[in-house]
Amino acid sequence: MNVKIEDGCIACGACESICDAVFTIEDVAVVNQAAVADNIDCVKEAADACPVGVIVIE
């Protein structure tokens, strides 16, 4: 499973607060791909909570 951040991230920190094993906020959200498989439930929760809808799960 691949997770990416599309253009438009506002670095609000919601994803990091929900799933800090996968998401880190720098200038925008950054995905730790190696941690996605073990944390897929919180990745989905973070994607649903993203206020601008830029977290894409493929």
PDB file of N, CA and C in Angstrom:
ATOM      1  N   MET A   1       0.844  -1.176   0.000  1.00  0.00           N
ATOM      2  CA  MET A   1       0.000   0.000   0.000  1.00  0.00           C
ATOM      3  C   MET A   1       0.893   1.244   0.000  1.00  0.00           C
ATOM      4  N   ASN A   2       0.538   2.191  -0.808  1.00  0.00           N
ATOM      5  CA  ASN A   2       1.308   3.424  -0.940  1.00  0.00           C
ATOM      6  C   ASN A   2       0.466   4.597  -0.430  1.00  0.00           C
ATOM      7  N   VAL A   3       1.105   5.472   0.320  1.00  0.00           N
ATOM      8  CA  VAL A   3       0.432   6.671   0.828  1.00  0.00           C
ATOM      9  C   VAL A   3       1.215   7.868   0.335  1.00  0.00           C
ATOM     10  N   LYS A   4       0.515   8.860  -0.200  1.00  0.00           N
ATOM     11  CA  LYS A   4       1.200  10.071  -0.656  1.00  0.00           C
ATOM     12  C   LYS A   4       0.419  11.296  -0.236  1.00  0.00           C
ATOM     13  N   ILE A   5       1.125  12.407  -0.233  1.00  0.00           N
ATOM     14  CA  ILE A   5       0.533  13.694   0.094  1.00  0.00           C
ATOM     15  C   ILE A   5       0.485  14.505  -1.196  1.00  0.00           C
ATOM     16  N   GLU A   6      -0.709  14.869  -1.623  1.00  0.00           N
ATOM     17  CA  GLU A   6      -0.857  15.675  -2.833  1.00  0.00           C
ATOM     18  C   GLU A   6      -0.570  17.146  -2.521  1.00  0.00           C
ATOM     19  N   ASP A   7      -0.378  17.938  -3.569  1.00  0.00           N
ATOM     20  CA  ASP A   7      -0.192  19.374  -3.404  1.00  0.00           C
ATOM     21  C   ASP A   7      -1.392  19.958  -2.673  1.00  0.00           C
ATOM     22  N   GLY A   8      -1.132  20.917  -1.825  1.00  0.00           N
ATOM     23  CA  GLY A   8      -2.204  21.578  -1.110  1.00  0.00           C
ATOM     24  C   GLY A   8      -2.171  21.360   0.388  1.00  0.00           C
ATOM     25  N   CYS A   9      -1.217  20.559   0.867  1.00  0.00           N
ATOM     26  CA  CYS A   9      -1.094  20.325   2.308  1.00  0.00           C
ATOM     27  C   CYS A   9      -0.860  21.662   3.012  1.00  0.00           C
ATOM     28  N   ILE A  10      -1.600  21.886   4.109  1.00  0.00           N
ATOM     29  CA  ILE A  10      -1.463  23.127   4.866  1.00  0.00           C
ATOM     30  C   ILE A  10      -0.671  22.925   6.162  1.00  0.00           C
ATOM     31  N   ALA A  11      -0.082  21.746   6.326  1.00  0.00           N
ATOM     32  CA  ALA A  11       0.760  21.425   7.491  1.00  0.00           C
ATOM     33  C   ALA A  11       0.046  21.717   8.813  1.00  0.00           C
ATOM     34  N   CYS A  12      -1.218  21.341   8.895  1.00  0.00           N
ATOM     35  CA  CYS A  12      -2.009  21.614  10.096  1.00  0.00           C
ATOM     36  C   CYS A  12      -1.631  20.715  11.265  1.00  0.00           C
ATOM     37  N   GLY A  13      -1.057  19.546  10.956  1.00  0.00           N
ATOM     38  CA  GLY A  13      -0.626  18.629  12.001  1.00  0.00           C
ATOM     39  C   GLY A  13      -1.637  17.582  12.398  1.00  0.00           C
ATOM     40  N   ALA A  14      -2.819  17.592  11.790  1.00  0.00           N
ATOM     41  CA  ALA A  14      -3.850  16.605  12.159  1.00  0.00           C
ATOM     42  C   ALA A  14      -3.364  15.181  11.923  1.00  0.00           C
ATOM     43  N   CYS A  15      -2.753  14.928  10.774  1.00  0.00           N
ATOM     44  CA  CYS A  15      -2.298  13.570  10.464  1.00  0.00           C
ATOM     45  C   CYS A  15      -1.228  13.107  11.454  1.00  0.00           C
ATOM     46  N   GLU A  16      -0.311  13.999  11.779  1.00  0.00           N
ATOM     47  CA  GLU A  16       0.759  13.652  12.720  1.00  0.00           C
ATOM     48  C   GLU A  16       0.197  13.371  14.109  1.00  0.00           C
ATOM     49  N   SER A  17      -0.785  14.135  14.538  1.00  0.00           N
ATOM     50  CA  SER A  17      -1.360  13.912  15.864  1.00  0.00           C
ATOM     51  C   SER A  17      -2.135  12.595  15.926  1.00  0.00           C
ATOM     52  N   ILE A  18      -2.696  12.171  14.796  1.00  0.00           N
ATOM     53  CA  ILE A  18      -3.449  10.911  14.744  1.00  0.00           C
ATOM     54  C   ILE A  18      -2.531   9.712  14.533  1.00  0.00           C
ATOM     55  N   CYS A  19      -1.494   9.876  13.721  1.00  0.00           N
ATOM     56  CA  CYS A  19      -0.656   8.735  13.317  1.00  0.00           C
ATOM     57  C   CYS A  19       0.795   9.173  13.178  1.00  0.00           C
ATOM     58  N   ASP A  20       1.435   9.466  14.303  1.00  0.00           N
ATOM     59  CA  ASP A  20       2.801   9.996  14.257  1.00  0.00           C
ATOM     60  C   ASP A  20       3.858   8.976  13.853  1.00  0.00           C
ATOM     61  N   ALA A  21       3.493   7.700  13.794  1.00  0.00           N
ATOM     62  CA  ALA A  21       4.438   6.691  13.311  1.00  0.00           C
ATOM     63  C   ALA A  21       4.635   6.814  11.799  1.00  0.00           C
ATOM     64  N   VAL A  22       3.654   7.387  11.110  1.00  0.00           N
ATOM     65  CA  VAL A  22       3.692   7.474   9.650  1.00  0.00           C
ATOM     66  C   VAL A  22       3.890   8.911   9.164  1.00  0.00           C
ATOM     67  N   PHE A  23       3.234   9.868   9.806  1.00  0.00           N
ATOM     68  CA  PHE A  23       3.253  11.246   9.306  1.00  0.00           C
ATOM     69  C   PHE A  23       4.115  12.159  10.177  1.00  0.00           C
ATOM     70  N   THR A  24       4.890  13.000   9.517  1.00  0.00           N
ATOM     71  CA  THR A  24       5.686  14.021  10.174  1.00  0.00           C
ATOM     72  C   THR A  24       5.436  15.326   9.440  1.00  0.00           C
ATOM     73  N   ILE A  25       5.312  16.407  10.184  1.00  0.00           N
ATOM     74  CA  ILE A  25       5.125  17.712   9.552  1.00  0.00           C
ATOM     75  C   ILE A  25       6.473  18.399   9.431  1.00  0.00           C
ATOM     76  N   GLU A  26       6.821  18.747   8.216  1.00  0.00           N
ATOM     77  CA  GLU A  26       7.980  19.589   7.951  1.00  0.00           C
ATOM     78  C   GLU A  26       7.395  20.868   7.353  1.00  0.00           C
ATOM     79  N   ASP A  27       7.707  21.222   6.123  1.00  0.00           N
ATOM     80  CA  ASP A  27       6.991  22.324   5.473  1.00  0.00           C
ATOM     81  C   ASP A  27       5.591  21.861   5.092  1.00  0.00           C
ATOM     82  N   VAL A  28       5.486  20.582   4.775  1.00  0.00           N
ATOM     83  CA  VAL A  28       4.221  19.892   4.522  1.00  0.00           C
ATOM     84  C   VAL A  28       4.336  18.523   5.184  1.00  0.00           C
ATOM     85  N   ALA A  29       3.277  17.755   5.155  1.00  0.00           N
ATOM     86  CA  ALA A  29       3.320  16.413   5.730  1.00  0.00           C
ATOM     87  C   ALA A  29       4.247  15.518   4.917  1.00  0.00           C
ATOM     88  N   VAL A  30       4.991  14.680   5.626  1.00  0.00           N
ATOM     89  CA  VAL A  30       5.903  13.719   5.011  1.00  0.00           C
ATOM     90  C   VAL A  30       5.483  12.331   5.482  1.00  0.00           C
ATOM     91  N   VAL A  31       5.499  11.365   4.572  1.00  0.00           N
ATOM     92  CA  VAL A  31       5.064   9.999   4.871  1.00  0.00           C
ATOM     93  C   VAL A  31       6.274   9.092   5.075  1.00  0.00           C
ATOM     94  N   ASN A  32       6.261   8.330   6.160  1.00  0.00           N
ATOM     95  CA  ASN A  32       7.252   7.280   6.401  1.00  0.00           C
ATOM     96  C   ASN A  32       6.662   5.996   5.814  1.00  0.00           C
ATOM     97  N   GLN A  33       6.950   5.736   4.540  1.00  0.00           N
ATOM     98  CA  GLN A  33       6.362   4.586   3.829  1.00  0.00           C
ATOM     99  C   GLN A  33       6.627   3.271   4.545  1.00  0.00           C
ATOM    100  N   ALA A  34       7.783   3.135   5.184  1.00  0.00           N
ATOM    101  CA  ALA A  34       8.143   1.880   5.845  1.00  0.00           C
ATOM    102  C   ALA A  34       7.196   1.540   6.996  1.00  0.00           C
ATOM    103  N   ALA A  35       6.527   2.546   7.549  1.00  0.00           N
ATOM    104  CA  ALA A  35       5.647   2.322   8.698  1.00  0.00           C
ATOM    105  C   ALA A  35       4.183   2.169   8.318  1.00  0.00           C
ATOM    106  N   VAL A  36       3.848   2.349   7.046  1.00  0.00           N
ATOM    107  CA  VAL A  36       2.439   2.343   6.628  1.00  0.00           C
ATOM    108  C   VAL A  36       1.765   0.998   6.897  1.00  0.00           C
ATOM    109  N   ALA A  37       2.369  -0.088   6.500  1.00  0.00           N
ATOM    110  CA  ALA A  37       1.725  -1.406   6.613  1.00  0.00           C
ATOM    111  C   ALA A  37       1.342  -1.750   8.051  1.00  0.00           C
ATOM    112  N   ASP A  38       2.176  -1.372   9.006  1.00  0.00           N
ATOM    113  CA  ASP A  38       1.913  -1.688  10.409  1.00  0.00           C
ATOM    114  C   ASP A  38       0.932  -0.716  11.066  1.00  0.00           C
ATOM    115  N   ASN A  39       0.574   0.347  10.362  1.00  0.00           N
ATOM    116  CA  ASN A  39      -0.264   1.391  10.963  1.00  0.00           C
ATOM    117  C   ASN A  39      -1.436   1.801  10.076  1.00  0.00           C
ATOM    118  N   ILE A  40      -1.929   0.885   9.267  1.00  0.00           N
ATOM    119  CA  ILE A  40      -2.906   1.246   8.250  1.00  0.00           C
ATOM    120  C   ILE A  40      -4.205   1.807   8.844  1.00  0.00           C
ATOM    121  N   ASP A  41      -4.609   1.349  10.016  1.00  0.00           N
ATOM    122  CA  ASP A  41      -5.846   1.870  10.610  1.00  0.00           C
ATOM    123  C   ASP A  41      -5.727   3.361  10.925  1.00  0.00           C
ATOM    124  N   CYS A  42      -4.598   3.767  11.530  1.00  0.00           N
ATOM    125  CA  CYS A  42      -4.468   5.192  11.842  1.00  0.00           C
ATOM    126  C   CYS A  42      -4.163   6.007  10.592  1.00  0.00           C
ATOM    127  N   VAL A  43      -3.561   5.392   9.558  1.00  0.00           N
ATOM    128  CA  VAL A  43      -3.357   6.099   8.284  1.00  0.00           C
ATOM    129  C   VAL A  43      -4.719   6.453   7.683  1.00  0.00           C
ATOM    130  N   LYS A  44      -5.645   5.491   7.688  1.00  0.00           N
ATOM    131  CA  LYS A  44      -6.989   5.744   7.158  1.00  0.00           C
ATOM    132  C   LYS A  44      -7.711   6.801   7.978  1.00  0.00           C
ATOM    133  N   GLU A  45      -7.545   6.754   9.292  1.00  0.00           N
ATOM    134  CA  GLU A  45      -8.168   7.755  10.161  1.00  0.00           C
ATOM    135  C   GLU A  45      -7.604   9.146   9.861  1.00  0.00           C
ATOM    136  N   ALA A  46      -6.287   9.228   9.666  1.00  0.00           N
ATOM    137  CA  ALA A  46      -5.649  10.511   9.346  1.00  0.00           C
ATOM    138  C   ALA A  46      -6.132  11.041   8.000  1.00  0.00           C
ATOM    139  N   ALA A  47      -6.265  10.157   7.019  1.00  0.00           N
ATOM    140  CA  ALA A  47      -6.746  10.579   5.696  1.00  0.00           C
ATOM    141  C   ALA A  47      -8.164  11.129   5.798  1.00  0.00           C
ATOM    142  N   ASP A  48      -9.002  10.481   6.587  1.00  0.00           N
ATOM    143  CA  ASP A  48     -10.381  10.949   6.770  1.00  0.00           C
ATOM    144  C   ASP A  48     -10.429  12.292   7.494  1.00  0.00           C
ATOM    145  N   ALA A  49      -9.474  12.527   8.387  1.00  0.00           N
ATOM    146  CA  ALA A  49      -9.466  13.753   9.192  1.00  0.00           C
ATOM    147  C   ALA A  49      -8.785  14.929   8.500  1.00  0.00           C
ATOM    148  N   CYS A  50      -8.083  14.676   7.417  1.00  0.00           N
ATOM    149  CA  CYS A  50      -7.349  15.749   6.731  1.00  0.00           C
ATOM    150  C   CYS A  50      -8.329  16.828   6.250  1.00  0.00           C
ATOM    151  N   PRO A  51      -8.153  18.071   6.726  1.00  0.00           N
ATOM    152  CA  PRO A  51      -9.128  19.110   6.370  1.00  0.00           C
ATOM    153  C   PRO A  51      -9.086  19.535   4.897  1.00  0.00           C
ATOM    154  N   VAL A  52      -7.989  19.236   4.214  1.00  0.00           N
ATOM    155  CA  VAL A  52      -7.902  19.608   2.796  1.00  0.00           C
ATOM    156  C   VAL A  52      -7.866  18.383   1.876  1.00  0.00           C
ATOM    157  N   GLY A  53      -7.992  17.187   2.445  1.00  0.00           N
ATOM    158  CA  GLY A  53      -8.123  15.968   1.653  1.00  0.00           C
ATOM    159  C   GLY A  53      -6.959  15.617   0.762  1.00  0.00           C
ATOM    160  N   VAL A  54      -5.724  15.843   1.243  1.00  0.00           N
ATOM    161  CA  VAL A  54      -4.569  15.607   0.375  1.00  0.00           C
ATOM    162  C   VAL A  54      -3.843  14.295   0.652  1.00  0.00           C
ATOM    163  N   ILE A  55      -4.309  13.512   1.618  1.00  0.00           N
ATOM    164  CA  ILE A  55      -3.682  12.215   1.899  1.00  0.00           C
ATOM    165  C   ILE A  55      -4.359  11.179   1.014  1.00  0.00           C
ATOM    166  N   VAL A  56      -3.566  10.547   0.143  1.00  0.00           N
ATOM    167  CA  VAL A  56      -4.089   9.571  -0.808  1.00  0.00           C
ATOM    168  C   VAL A  56      -3.513   8.203  -0.480  1.00  0.00           C
ATOM    169  N   ILE A  57      -4.402   7.225  -0.332  1.00  0.00           N
ATOM    170  CA  ILE A  57      -3.998   5.833  -0.072  1.00  0.00           C
ATOM    171  C   ILE A  57      -4.242   5.060  -1.363  1.00  0.00           C
ATOM    172  N   GLU A  58      -3.185   4.463  -1.870  1.00  0.00           N
ATOM    173  CA  GLU A  58      -3.291   3.703  -3.143  1.00  0.00           C
ATOM    174  C   GLU A  58      -3.045   2.226  -2.904  1.00  0.00           C
TER     175      GLU A  58
END
